[in-house]
Amino acid sequence: MKKKVIGILVCMMMLAMIPLAAGLDVEKQLPEKDTTGGLDKTLIRGIVLFPRSSMGGDFKFFAVRVHYTTISLGGIKSGTILLQRISLPEIPTGIVGNFYLMGSFRGNLDAYT
């Protein structure tokens, strides 16, 4: 009987913790937007969730799996971003859908992840 009561109490405490864990979603502080003089160009493509643009011109989305290629004076850098929230300084030119993103923007993606 005591095991059953303790099990019920543990389950109730775990259910009470779900709203607290959902409220802990805090956006991290972004570093200064340094794009080496605006000479970089980044091509991005992949599966995204919750794409939205704000009044300030920022474009935010949740990257499920996004491939990027940055072309700059220092060379070409490629990579993949998995399950991360991204904020860009502008809306990428290209195809921006509800679940897919394929486009380009000026700057380096490392400064905005």
PDB file of N, CA and C in Angstrom:
ATOM      1  N   MET A   1       0.822  -1.188   0.000  1.00  0.00           N
ATOM      2  CA  MET A   1       0.000   0.000   0.000  1.00  0.00           C
ATOM      3  C   MET A   1       0.869   1.257   0.000  1.00  0.00           C
ATOM      4  N   LYS A   2       1.968   1.247   0.801  1.00  0.00           N
ATOM      5  CA  LYS A   2       2.835   2.416   0.866  1.00  0.00           C
ATOM      6  C   LYS A   2       3.534   2.649  -0.470  1.00  0.00           C
ATOM      7  N   LYS A   3       3.913   1.571  -1.165  1.00  0.00           N
ATOM      8  CA  LYS A   3       4.564   1.717  -2.462  1.00  0.00           C
ATOM      9  C   LYS A   3       3.617   2.364  -3.467  1.00  0.00           C
ATOM     10  N   LYS A   4       2.345   2.003  -3.390  1.00  0.00           N
ATOM     11  CA  LYS A   4       1.351   2.556  -4.303  1.00  0.00           C
ATOM     12  C   LYS A   4       1.171   4.049  -4.046  1.00  0.00           C
ATOM     13  N   VAL A   5       1.103   4.461  -2.791  1.00  0.00           N
ATOM     14  CA  VAL A   5       0.942   5.876  -2.436  1.00  0.00           C
ATOM     15  C   VAL A   5       2.179   6.667  -2.843  1.00  0.00           C
ATOM     16  N   ILE A   6       3.364   6.099  -2.603  1.00  0.00           N
ATOM     17  CA  ILE A   6       4.593   6.785  -2.989  1.00  0.00           C
ATOM     18  C   ILE A   6       4.674   6.914  -4.513  1.00  0.00           C
ATOM     19  N   GLY A   7       4.278   5.888  -5.238  1.00  0.00           N
ATOM     20  CA  GLY A   7       4.264   5.950  -6.697  1.00  0.00           C
ATOM     21  C   GLY A   7       3.323   7.023  -7.215  1.00  0.00           C
ATOM     22  N   ILE A   8       2.155   7.137  -6.602  1.00  0.00           N
ATOM     23  CA  ILE A   8       1.195   8.168  -7.011  1.00  0.00           C
ATOM     24  C   ILE A   8       1.751   9.551  -6.727  1.00  0.00           C
ATOM     25  N   LEU A   9       2.381   9.741  -5.570  1.00  0.00           N
ATOM     26  CA  LEU A   9       2.967  11.042  -5.240  1.00  0.00           C
ATOM     27  C   LEU A   9       4.087  11.421  -6.203  1.00  0.00           C
ATOM     28  N   VAL A  10       4.917  10.463  -6.572  1.00  0.00           N
ATOM     29  CA  VAL A  10       6.001  10.737  -7.527  1.00  0.00           C
ATOM     30  C   VAL A  10       5.421  11.135  -8.883  1.00  0.00           C
ATOM     31  N   CYS A  11       4.386  10.437  -9.314  1.00  0.00           N
ATOM     32  CA  CYS A  11       3.753  10.777 -10.598  1.00  0.00           C
ATOM     33  C   CYS A  11       3.135  12.170 -10.558  1.00  0.00           C
ATOM     34  N   MET A  12       2.504  12.521  -9.456  1.00  0.00           N
ATOM     35  CA  MET A  12       1.903  13.856  -9.335  1.00  0.00           C
ATOM     36  C   MET A  12       2.965  14.944  -9.331  1.00  0.00           C
ATOM     37  N   MET A  13       4.097  14.672  -8.690  1.00  0.00           N
ATOM     38  CA  MET A  13       5.181  15.656  -8.688  1.00  0.00           C
ATOM     39  C   MET A  13       5.776  15.821 -10.080  1.00  0.00           C
ATOM     40  N   MET A  14       5.894  14.718 -10.815  1.00  0.00           N
ATOM     41  CA  MET A  14       6.423  14.803 -12.171  1.00  0.00           C
ATOM     42  C   MET A  14       5.469  15.571 -13.078  1.00  0.00           C
ATOM     43  N   LEU A  15       4.170  15.363 -12.920  1.00  0.00           N
ATOM     44  CA  LEU A  15       3.195  16.106 -13.717  1.00  0.00           C
ATOM     45  C   LEU A  15       3.238  17.593 -13.388  1.00  0.00           C
ATOM     46  N   ALA A  16       3.510  17.926 -12.154  1.00  0.00           N
ATOM     47  CA  ALA A  16       3.600  19.328 -11.768  1.00  0.00           C
ATOM     48  C   ALA A  16       4.841  19.993 -12.344  1.00  0.00           C
ATOM     49  N   MET A  17       5.875  19.236 -12.679  1.00  0.00           N
ATOM     50  CA  MET A  17       7.117  19.793 -13.195  1.00  0.00           C
ATOM     51  C   MET A  17       7.067  20.078 -14.695  1.00  0.00           C
ATOM     52  N   ILE A  18       6.113  19.523 -15.419  1.00  0.00           N
ATOM     53  CA  ILE A  18       6.047  19.723 -16.871  1.00  0.00           C
ATOM     54  C   ILE A  18       5.881  21.202 -17.230  1.00  0.00           C
ATOM     55  N   PRO A  19       4.948  21.960 -16.625  1.00  0.00           N
ATOM     56  CA  PRO A  19       4.855  23.383 -16.985  1.00  0.00           C
ATOM     57  C   PRO A  19       6.103  24.174 -16.626  1.00  0.00           C
ATOM     58  N   LEU A  20       6.793  23.805 -15.571  1.00  0.00           N
ATOM     59  CA  LEU A  20       8.023  24.501 -15.207  1.00  0.00           C
ATOM     60  C   LEU A  20       9.108  24.271 -16.242  1.00  0.00           C
ATOM     61  N   ALA A  21       9.226  23.049 -16.730  1.00  0.00           N
ATOM     62  CA  ALA A  21      10.239  22.746 -17.739  1.00  0.00           C
ATOM     63  C   ALA A  21       9.924  23.449 -19.059  1.00  0.00           C
ATOM     64  N   ALA A  22       8.653  23.584 -19.389  1.00  0.00           N
ATOM     65  CA  ALA A  22       8.287  24.271 -20.633  1.00  0.00           C
ATOM     66  C   ALA A  22       8.561  25.763 -20.526  1.00  0.00           C
ATOM     67  N   GLY A  23       8.471  26.326 -19.336  1.00  0.00           N
ATOM     68  CA  GLY A  23       8.722  27.750 -19.155  1.00  0.00           C
ATOM     69  C   GLY A  23      10.185  28.116 -19.124  1.00  0.00           C
ATOM     70  N   LEU A  24      11.073  27.154 -19.103  1.00  0.00           N
ATOM     71  CA  LEU A  24      12.498  27.429 -19.035  1.00  0.00           C
ATOM     72  C   LEU A  24      13.120  27.700 -20.396  1.00  0.00           C
ATOM     73  N   ASP A  25      12.327  27.803 -21.428  1.00  0.00           N
ATOM     74  CA  ASP A  25      12.828  28.036 -22.772  1.00  0.00           C
ATOM     75  C   ASP A  25      13.218  29.506 -22.910  1.00  0.00           C
ATOM     76  N   VAL A  26      14.471  29.822 -22.676  1.00  0.00           N
ATOM     77  CA  VAL A  26      14.964  31.186 -22.715  1.00  0.00           C
ATOM     78  C   VAL A  26      15.928  31.307 -23.881  1.00  0.00           C
ATOM     79  N   GLU A  27      15.757  32.357 -24.677  1.00  0.00           N
ATOM     80  CA  GLU A  27      16.669  32.562 -25.794  1.00  0.00           C
ATOM     81  C   GLU A  27      18.003  33.054 -25.270  1.00  0.00           C
ATOM     82  N   LYS A  28      19.067  32.490 -25.792  1.00  0.00           N
ATOM     83  CA  LYS A  28      20.390  32.891 -25.330  1.00  0.00           C
ATOM     84  C   LYS A  28      20.772  34.234 -25.937  1.00  0.00           C
ATOM     85  N   GLN A  29      21.677  34.921 -25.280  1.00  0.00           N
ATOM     86  CA  GLN A  29      22.141  36.214 -25.753  1.00  0.00           C
ATOM     87  C   GLN A  29      22.971  36.019 -27.020  1.00  0.00           C
ATOM     88  N   LEU A  30      22.643  36.785 -28.037  1.00  0.00           N
ATOM     89  CA  LEU A  30      23.372  36.683 -29.290  1.00  0.00           C
ATOM     90  C   LEU A  30      24.616  37.556 -29.227  1.00  0.00           C
ATOM     91  N   PRO A  31      25.720  37.111 -29.804  1.00  0.00           N
ATOM     92  CA  PRO A  31      26.917  37.954 -29.833  1.00  0.00           C
ATOM     93  C   PRO A  31      26.727  39.110 -30.797  1.00  0.00           C
ATOM     94  N   GLU A  32      27.663  40.013 -30.791  1.00  0.00           N
ATOM     95  CA  GLU A  32      27.612  41.121 -31.726  1.00  0.00           C
ATOM     96  C   GLU A  32      27.618  40.581 -33.152  1.00  0.00           C
ATOM     97  N   LYS A  33      26.825  41.199 -34.002  1.00  0.00           N
ATOM     98  CA  LYS A  33      26.668  40.720 -35.368  1.00  0.00           C
ATOM     99  C   LYS A  33      27.837  41.197 -36.225  1.00  0.00           C
ATOM    100  N   ASP A  34      28.944  40.481 -36.164  1.00  0.00           N
ATOM    101  CA  ASP A  34      30.141  40.806 -36.910  1.00  0.00           C
ATOM    102  C   ASP A  34      30.194  39.922 -38.144  1.00  0.00           C
ATOM    103  N   THR A  35      30.080  40.520 -39.302  1.00  0.00           N
ATOM    104  CA  THR A  35      30.068  39.737 -40.531  1.00  0.00           C
ATOM    105  C   THR A  35      31.247  40.074 -41.435  1.00  0.00           C
ATOM    106  N   THR A  36      32.340  40.537 -40.868  1.00  0.00           N
ATOM    107  CA  THR A  36      33.569  40.884 -41.583  1.00  0.00           C
ATOM    108  C   THR A  36      33.297  41.806 -42.769  1.00  0.00           C
ATOM    109  N   GLY A  37      32.602  42.888 -42.501  1.00  0.00           N
ATOM    110  CA  GLY A  37      32.400  43.900 -43.519  1.00  0.00           C
ATOM    111  C   GLY A  37      31.316  43.584 -44.527  1.00  0.00           C
ATOM    112  N   GLY A  38      30.538  42.572 -44.335  1.00  0.00           N
ATOM    113  CA  GLY A  38      29.450  42.270 -45.239  1.00  0.00           C
ATOM    114  C   GLY A  38      29.880  41.585 -46.520  1.00  0.00           C
ATOM    115  N   LEU A  39      31.084  41.054 -46.557  1.00  0.00           N
ATOM    116  CA  LEU A  39      31.552  40.391 -47.765  1.00  0.00           C
ATOM    117  C   LEU A  39      31.206  38.909 -47.791  1.00  0.00           C
ATOM    118  N   ASP A  40      30.711  38.373 -46.682  1.00  0.00           N
ATOM    119  CA  ASP A  40      30.344  36.959 -46.625  1.00  0.00           C
ATOM    120  C   ASP A  40      28.968  36.743 -47.247  1.00  0.00           C
ATOM    121  N   LYS A  41      28.783  35.580 -47.814  1.00  0.00           N
ATOM    122  CA  LYS A  41      27.490  35.180 -48.367  1.00  0.00           C
ATOM    123  C   LYS A  41      27.230  33.754 -47.897  1.00  0.00           C
ATOM    124  N   THR A  42      26.076  33.515 -47.287  1.00  0.00           N
ATOM    125  CA  THR A  42      25.754  32.201 -46.760  1.00  0.00           C
ATOM    126  C   THR A  42      24.544  31.633 -47.485  1.00  0.00           C
ATOM    127  N   LEU A  43      24.668  30.407 -47.953  1.00  0.00           N
ATOM    128  CA  LEU A  43      23.576  29.677 -48.579  1.00  0.00           C
ATOM    129  C   LEU A  43      23.060  28.676 -47.557  1.00  0.00           C
ATOM    130  N   ILE A  44      21.750  28.691 -47.297  1.00  0.00           N
ATOM    131  CA  ILE A  44      21.179  27.754 -46.326  1.00  0.00           C
ATOM    132  C   ILE A  44      20.025  27.004 -46.970  1.00  0.00           C
ATOM    133  N   ARG A  45      19.868  25.746 -46.540  1.00  0.00           N
ATOM    134  CA  ARG A  45      18.764  24.924 -47.033  1.00  0.00           C
ATOM    135  C   ARG A  45      18.502  23.837 -46.006  1.00  0.00           C
ATOM    136  N   GLY A  46      17.221  23.533 -45.821  1.00  0.00           N
ATOM    137  CA  GLY A  46      16.909  22.473 -44.879  1.00  0.00           C
ATOM    138  C   GLY A  46      15.496  22.547 -44.352  1.00  0.00           C
ATOM    139  N   ILE A  47      15.239  21.714 -43.360  1.00  0.00           N
ATOM    140  CA  ILE A  47      13.915  21.601 -42.756  1.00  0.00           C
ATOM    141  C   ILE A  47      13.879  22.472 -41.511  1.00  0.00           C
ATOM    142  N   VAL A  48      12.885  23.369 -41.452  1.00  0.00           N
ATOM    143  CA  VAL A  48      12.752  24.292 -40.330  1.00  0.00           C
ATOM    144  C   VAL A  48      11.328  24.240 -39.790  1.00  0.00           C
ATOM    145  N   LEU A  49      11.178  24.713 -38.571  1.00  0.00           N
ATOM    146  CA  LEU A  49       9.860  24.852 -37.946  1.00  0.00           C
ATOM    147  C   LEU A  49       9.706  26.274 -37.429  1.00  0.00           C
ATOM    148  N   PHE A  50       8.506  26.740 -37.361  1.00  0.00           N
ATOM    149  CA  PHE A  50       8.133  28.033 -36.792  1.00  0.00           C
ATOM    150  C   PHE A  50       8.897  29.209 -37.396  1.00  0.00           C
ATOM    151  N   PRO A  51       8.966  29.356 -38.729  1.00  0.00           N
ATOM    152  CA  PRO A  51       9.640  30.529 -39.285  1.00  0.00           C
ATOM    153  C   PRO A  51       8.786  31.774 -39.062  1.00  0.00           C
ATOM    154  N   ARG A  52       9.421  32.841 -38.581  1.00  0.00           N
ATOM    155  CA  ARG A  52       8.685  34.079 -38.371  1.00  0.00           C
ATOM    156  C   ARG A  52       9.639  35.255 -38.490  1.00  0.00           C
ATOM    157  N   SER A  53       9.118  36.370 -38.939  1.00  0.00           N
ATOM    158  CA  SER A  53       9.916  37.587 -39.026  1.00  0.00           C
ATOM    159  C   SER A  53       9.319  38.617 -38.081  1.00  0.00           C
ATOM    160  N   SER A  54      10.174  39.463 -37.533  1.00  0.00           N
ATOM    161  CA  SER A  54       9.717  40.465 -36.587  1.00  0.00           C
ATOM    162  C   SER A  54       9.733  41.838 -37.250  1.00  0.00           C
ATOM    163  N   MET A  55       9.234  42.818 -36.532  1.00  0.00           N
ATOM    164  CA  MET A  55       9.157  44.172 -37.069  1.00  0.00           C
ATOM    165  C   MET A  55      10.545  44.774 -37.282  1.00  0.00           C
ATOM    166  N   GLY A  56      11.519  44.350 -36.516  1.00  0.00           N
ATOM    167  CA  GLY A  56      12.870  44.875 -36.650  1.00  0.00           C
ATOM    168  C   GLY A  56      13.627  44.304 -37.832  1.00  0.00           C
ATOM    169  N   GLY A  57      13.054  43.371 -38.552  1.00  0.00           N
ATOM    170  CA  GLY A  57      13.703  42.763 -39.701  1.00  0.00           C
ATOM    171  C   GLY A  57      14.375  41.443 -39.396  1.00  0.00           C
ATOM    172  N   ASP A  58      14.400  41.032 -38.131  1.00  0.00           N
ATOM    173  CA  ASP A  58      15.003  39.747 -37.776  1.00  0.00           C
ATOM    174  C   ASP A  58      14.130  38.605 -38.276  1.00  0.00           C
ATOM    175  N   PHE A  59      14.763  37.489 -38.582  1.00  0.00           N
ATOM    176  CA  PHE A  59      14.062  36.291 -39.033  1.00  0.00           C
ATOM    177  C   PHE A  59      14.468  35.153 -38.115  1.00  0.00           C
ATOM    178  N   LYS A  60      13.515  34.546 -37.427  1.00  0.00           N
ATOM    179  CA  LYS A  60      13.793  33.484 -36.462  1.00  0.00           C
ATOM    180  C   LYS A  60      13.110  32.199 -36.898  1.00  0.00           C
ATOM    181  N   PHE A  61      13.785  31.080 -36.622  1.00  0.00           N
ATOM    182  CA  PHE A  61      13.204  29.773 -36.916  1.00  0.00           C
ATOM    183  C   PHE A  61      13.905  28.723 -36.071  1.00  0.00           C
ATOM    184  N   PHE A  62      13.304  27.549 -36.010  1.00  0.00           N
ATOM    185  CA  PHE A  62      13.897  26.405 -35.320  1.00  0.00           C
ATOM    186  C   PHE A  62      14.401  25.451 -36.388  1.00  0.00           C
ATOM    187  N   ALA A  63      15.702  25.231 -36.408  1.00  0.00           N
ATOM    188  CA  ALA A  63      16.325  24.387 -37.427  1.00  0.00           C
ATOM    189  C   ALA A  63      16.254  22.924 -37.005  1.00  0.00           C
ATOM    190  N   VAL A  64      15.478  22.125 -37.727  1.00  0.00           N
ATOM    191  CA  VAL A  64      15.450  20.691 -37.491  1.00  0.00           C
ATOM    192  C   VAL A  64      16.724  20.079 -38.084  1.00  0.00           C
ATOM    193  N   ARG A  65      16.985  20.357 -39.335  1.00  0.00           N
ATOM    194  CA  ARG A  65      18.240  19.959 -40.006  1.00  0.00           C
ATOM    195  C   ARG A  65      18.479  20.955 -41.128  1.00  0.00           C
ATOM    196  N   VAL A  66      19.493  21.765 -40.968  1.00  0.00           N
ATOM    197  CA  VAL A  66      19.804  22.817 -41.931  1.00  0.00           C
ATOM    198  C   VAL A  66      21.265  22.685 -42.346  1.00  0.00           C
ATOM    199  N   HIS A  67      21.505  22.659 -43.645  1.00  0.00           N
ATOM    200  CA  HIS A  67      22.854  22.658 -44.206  1.00  0.00           C
ATOM    201  C   HIS A  67      23.188  24.087 -44.610  1.00  0.00           C
ATOM    202  N   TYR A  68      24.412  24.506 -44.354  1.00  0.00           N
ATOM    203  CA  TYR A  68      24.815  25.853 -44.744  1.00  0.00           C
ATOM    204  C   TYR A  68      26.196  25.820 -45.381  1.00  0.00           C
ATOM    205  N   THR A  69      26.424  26.786 -46.270  1.00  0.00           N
ATOM    206  CA  THR A  69      27.715  26.981 -46.910  1.00  0.00           C
ATOM    207  C   THR A  69      27.998  28.474 -46.904  1.00  0.00           C
ATOM    208  N   THR A  70      29.086  28.869 -46.258  1.00  0.00           N
ATOM    209  CA  THR A  70      29.472  30.271 -46.189  1.00  0.00           C
ATOM    210  C   THR A  70      30.652  30.501 -47.116  1.00  0.00           C
ATOM    211  N   ILE A  71      30.506  31.464 -48.013  1.00  0.00           N
ATOM    212  CA  ILE A  71      31.555  31.823 -48.955  1.00  0.00           C
ATOM    213  C   ILE A  71      32.095  33.177 -48.521  1.00  0.00           C
ATOM    214  N   SER A  72      33.387  33.242 -48.224  1.00  0.00           N
ATOM    215  CA  SER A  72      33.996  34.490 -47.769  1.00  0.00           C
ATOM    216  C   SER A  72      35.386  34.626 -48.380  1.00  0.00           C
ATOM    217  N   LEU A  73      36.056  35.717 -48.020  1.00  0.00           N
ATOM    218  CA  LEU A  73      37.408  35.915 -48.523  1.00  0.00           C
ATOM    219  C   LEU A  73      38.373  34.882 -47.970  1.00  0.00           C
ATOM    220  N   GLY A  74      38.078  34.366 -46.778  1.00  0.00           N
ATOM    221  CA  GLY A  74      38.948  33.376 -46.157  1.00  0.00           C
ATOM    222  C   GLY A  74      38.757  31.966 -46.677  1.00  0.00           C
ATOM    223  N   GLY A  75      37.732  31.733 -47.455  1.00  0.00           N
ATOM    224  CA  GLY A  75      37.489  30.402 -47.993  1.00  0.00           C
ATOM    225  C   GLY A  75      36.031  30.015 -47.880  1.00  0.00           C
ATOM    226  N   ILE A  76      35.774  28.734 -48.017  1.00  0.00           N
ATOM    227  CA  ILE A  76      34.407  28.204 -47.976  1.00  0.00           C
ATOM    228  C   ILE A  76      34.275  27.321 -46.746  1.00  0.00           C
ATOM    229  N   LYS A  77      33.203  27.547 -45.997  1.00  0.00           N
ATOM    230  CA  LYS A  77      32.944  26.753 -44.801  1.00  0.00           C
ATOM    231  C   LYS A  77      31.550  26.155 -44.911  1.00  0.00           C
ATOM    232  N   SER A  78      31.436  24.855 -44.668  1.00  0.00           N
ATOM    233  CA  SER A  78      30.153  24.165 -44.735  1.00  0.00           C
ATOM    234  C   SER A  78      29.883  23.464 -43.416  1.00  0.00           C
ATOM    235  N   GLY A  79      28.601  23.203 -43.171  1.00  0.00           N
ATOM    236  CA  GLY A  79      28.256  22.480 -41.961  1.00  0.00           C
ATOM    237  C   GLY A  79      26.778  22.175 -41.891  1.00  0.00           C
ATOM    238  N   THR A  80      26.380  21.538 -40.801  1.00  0.00           N
ATOM    239  CA  THR A  80      24.991  21.156 -40.564  1.00  0.00           C
ATOM    240  C   THR A  80      24.600  21.604 -39.167  1.00  0.00           C
ATOM    241  N   ILE A  81      23.394  22.117 -39.048  1.00  0.00           N
ATOM    242  CA  ILE A  81      22.851  22.513 -37.756  1.00  0.00           C
ATOM    243  C   ILE A  81      21.662  21.619 -37.470  1.00  0.00           C
ATOM    244  N   LEU A  82      21.651  21.013 -36.295  1.00  0.00           N
ATOM    245  CA  LEU A  82      20.582  20.109 -35.892  1.00  0.00           C
ATOM    246  C   LEU A  82      19.889  20.647 -34.649  1.00  0.00           C
ATOM    247  N   LEU A  83      18.575  20.719 -34.681  1.00  0.00           N
ATOM    248  CA  LEU A  83      17.739  21.022 -33.526  1.00  0.00           C
ATOM    249  C   LEU A  83      18.249  22.219 -32.734  1.00  0.00           C
ATOM    250  N   GLN A  84      18.254  23.381 -33.390  1.00  0.00           N
ATOM    251  CA  GLN A  84      18.748  24.593 -32.742  1.00  0.00           C
ATOM    252  C   GLN A  84      17.909  25.787 -33.198  1.00  0.00           C
ATOM    253  N   ARG A  85      17.705  26.733 -32.313  1.00  0.00           N
ATOM    254  CA  ARG A  85      16.979  27.954 -32.632  1.00  0.00           C
ATOM    255  C   ARG A  85      17.947  28.951 -33.260  1.00  0.00           C
ATOM    256  N   ILE A  86      17.549  29.556 -34.384  1.00  0.00           N
ATOM    257  CA  ILE A  86      18.418  30.448 -35.136  1.00  0.00           C
ATOM    258  C   ILE A  86      17.706  31.785 -35.324  1.00  0.00           C
ATOM    259  N   SER A  87      18.459  32.866 -35.238  1.00  0.00           N
ATOM    260  CA  SER A  87      17.943  34.202 -35.483  1.00  0.00           C
ATOM    261  C   SER A  87      18.865  34.893 -36.486  1.00  0.00           C
ATOM    262  N   LEU A  88      18.317  35.263 -37.646  1.00  0.00           N
ATOM    263  CA  LEU A  88      19.091  35.912 -38.702  1.00  0.00           C
ATOM    264  C   LEU A  88      18.753  37.398 -38.730  1.00  0.00           C
ATOM    265  N   PRO A  89      19.665  38.246 -39.217  1.00  0.00           N
ATOM    266  CA  PRO A  89      19.403  39.687 -39.238  1.00  0.00           C
ATOM    267  C   PRO A  89      18.407  40.112 -40.315  1.00  0.00           C
ATOM    268  N   GLU A  90      18.155  39.260 -41.286  1.00  0.00           N
ATOM    269  CA  GLU A  90      17.241  39.598 -42.378  1.00  0.00           C
ATOM    270  C   GLU A  90      16.575  38.333 -42.895  1.00  0.00           C
ATOM    271  N   ILE A  91      15.494  38.511 -43.626  1.00  0.00           N
ATOM    272  CA  ILE A  91      14.818  37.369 -44.235  1.00  0.00           C
ATOM    273  C   ILE A  91      15.669  36.888 -45.415  1.00  0.00           C
ATOM    274  N   PRO A  92      15.995  35.613 -45.475  1.00  0.00           N
ATOM    275  CA  PRO A  92      16.814  35.117 -46.591  1.00  0.00           C
ATOM    276  C   PRO A  92      16.081  35.271 -47.921  1.00  0.00           C
ATOM    277  N   THR A  93      16.834  35.613 -48.962  1.00  0.00           N
ATOM    278  CA  THR A  93      16.245  35.673 -50.294  1.00  0.00           C
ATOM    279  C   THR A  93      16.206  34.262 -50.845  1.00  0.00           C
ATOM    280  N   GLY A  94      15.060  33.838 -51.302  1.00  0.00           N
ATOM    281  CA  GLY A  94      14.891  32.483 -51.805  1.00  0.00           C
ATOM    282  C   GLY A  94      13.532  31.947 -51.393  1.00  0.00           C
ATOM    283  N   ILE A  95      13.451  30.668 -51.181  1.00  0.00           N
ATOM    284  CA  ILE A  95      12.197  30.001 -50.830  1.00  0.00           C
ATOM    285  C   ILE A  95      12.134  29.854 -49.311  1.00  0.00           C
ATOM    286  N   VAL A  96      11.133  30.495 -48.724  1.00  0.00           N
ATOM    287  CA  VAL A  96      10.903  30.385 -47.280  1.00  0.00           C
ATOM    288  C   VAL A  96       9.491  29.842 -47.104  1.00  0.00           C
ATOM    289  N   GLY A  97       9.392  28.565 -46.790  1.00  0.00           N
ATOM    290  CA  GLY A  97       8.096  27.932 -46.602  1.00  0.00           C
ATOM    291  C   GLY A  97       7.816  27.683 -45.140  1.00  0.00           C
ATOM    292  N   ASN A  98       6.719  26.996 -44.869  1.00  0.00           N
ATOM    293  CA  ASN A  98       6.376  26.684 -43.486  1.00  0.00           C
ATOM    294  C   ASN A  98       7.301  25.638 -42.887  1.00  0.00           C
ATOM    295  N   PHE A  99       7.800  24.711 -43.714  1.00  0.00           N
ATOM    296  CA  PHE A  99       8.639  23.641 -43.208  1.00  0.00           C
ATOM    297  C   PHE A  99       9.964  23.514 -43.940  1.00  0.00           C
ATOM    298  N   TYR A 100      10.222  24.348 -44.941  1.00  0.00           N
ATOM    299  CA  TYR A 100      11.441  24.231 -45.721  1.00  0.00           C
ATOM    300  C   TYR A 100      12.013  25.616 -45.978  1.00  0.00           C
ATOM    301  N   LEU A 101      13.317  25.709 -45.963  1.00  0.00           N
ATOM    302  CA  LEU A 101      14.002  26.968 -46.204  1.00  0.00           C
ATOM    303  C   LEU A 101      15.146  26.722 -47.172  1.00  0.00           C
ATOM    304  N   MET A 102      15.197  27.503 -48.239  1.00  0.00           N
ATOM    305  CA  MET A 102      16.278  27.414 -49.203  1.00  0.00           C
ATOM    306  C   MET A 102      16.547  28.821 -49.705  1.00  0.00           C
ATOM    307  N   GLY A 103      17.667  29.390 -49.300  1.00  0.00           N
ATOM    308  CA  GLY A 103      17.949  30.755 -49.691  1.00  0.00           C
ATOM    309  C   GLY A 103      19.348  31.170 -49.309  1.00  0.00           C
ATOM    310  N   SER A 104      19.580  32.480 -49.379  1.00  0.00           N
ATOM    311  CA  SER A 104      20.891  33.023 -49.052  1.00  0.00           C
ATOM    312  C   SER A 104      20.713  34.356 -48.346  1.00  0.00           C
ATOM    313  N   PHE A 105      21.735  34.742 -47.601  1.00  0.00           N
ATOM    314  CA  PHE A 105      21.744  36.045 -46.948  1.00  0.00           C
ATOM    315  C   PHE A 105      23.185  36.496 -46.787  1.00  0.00           C
ATOM    316  N   ARG A 106      23.365  37.790 -46.575  1.00  0.00           N
ATOM    317  CA  ARG A 106      24.695  38.343 -46.361  1.00  0.00           C
ATOM    318  C   ARG A 106      25.106  38.105 -44.919  1.00  0.00           C
ATOM    319  N   GLY A 107      26.313  37.629 -44.746  1.00  0.00           N
ATOM    320  CA  GLY A 107      26.818  37.424 -43.400  1.00  0.00           C
ATOM    321  C   GLY A 107      27.211  35.987 -43.156  1.00  0.00           C
ATOM    322  N   ASN A 108      27.677  35.750 -41.941  1.00  0.00           N
ATOM    323  CA  ASN A 108      28.161  34.443 -41.525  1.00  0.00           C
ATOM    324  C   ASN A 108      27.157  33.858 -40.559  1.00  0.00           C
ATOM    325  N   LEU A 109      26.797  32.612 -40.722  1.00  0.00           N
ATOM    326  CA  LEU A 109      25.792  31.980 -39.868  1.00  0.00           C
ATOM    327  C   LEU A 109      26.301  31.749 -38.449  1.00  0.00           C
ATOM    328  N   ASP A 110      27.612  31.654 -38.253  1.00  0.00           N
ATOM    329  CA  ASP A 110      28.165  31.414 -36.930  1.00  0.00           C
ATOM    330  C   ASP A 110      27.835  32.538 -35.955  1.00  0.00           C
ATOM    331  N   ALA A 111      27.670  33.737 -36.441  1.00  0.00           N
ATOM    332  CA  ALA A 111      27.394  34.877 -35.563  1.00  0.00           C
ATOM    333  C   ALA A 111      25.939  34.899 -35.093  1.00  0.00           C
ATOM    334  N   TYR A 112      25.050  34.135 -35.704  1.00  0.00           N
ATOM    335  CA  TYR A 112      23.626  34.217 -35.399  1.00  0.00           C
ATOM    336  C   TYR A 112      23.052  32.954 -34.807  1.00  0.00           C
ATOM    337  N   THR A 113      23.844  31.907 -34.590  1.00  0.00           N
ATOM    338  CA  THR A 113      23.319  30.671 -34.014  1.00  0.00           C
ATOM    339  C   THR A 113      23.376  30.699 -32.510  1.00  0.00           C
TER     340      THR A 113
END
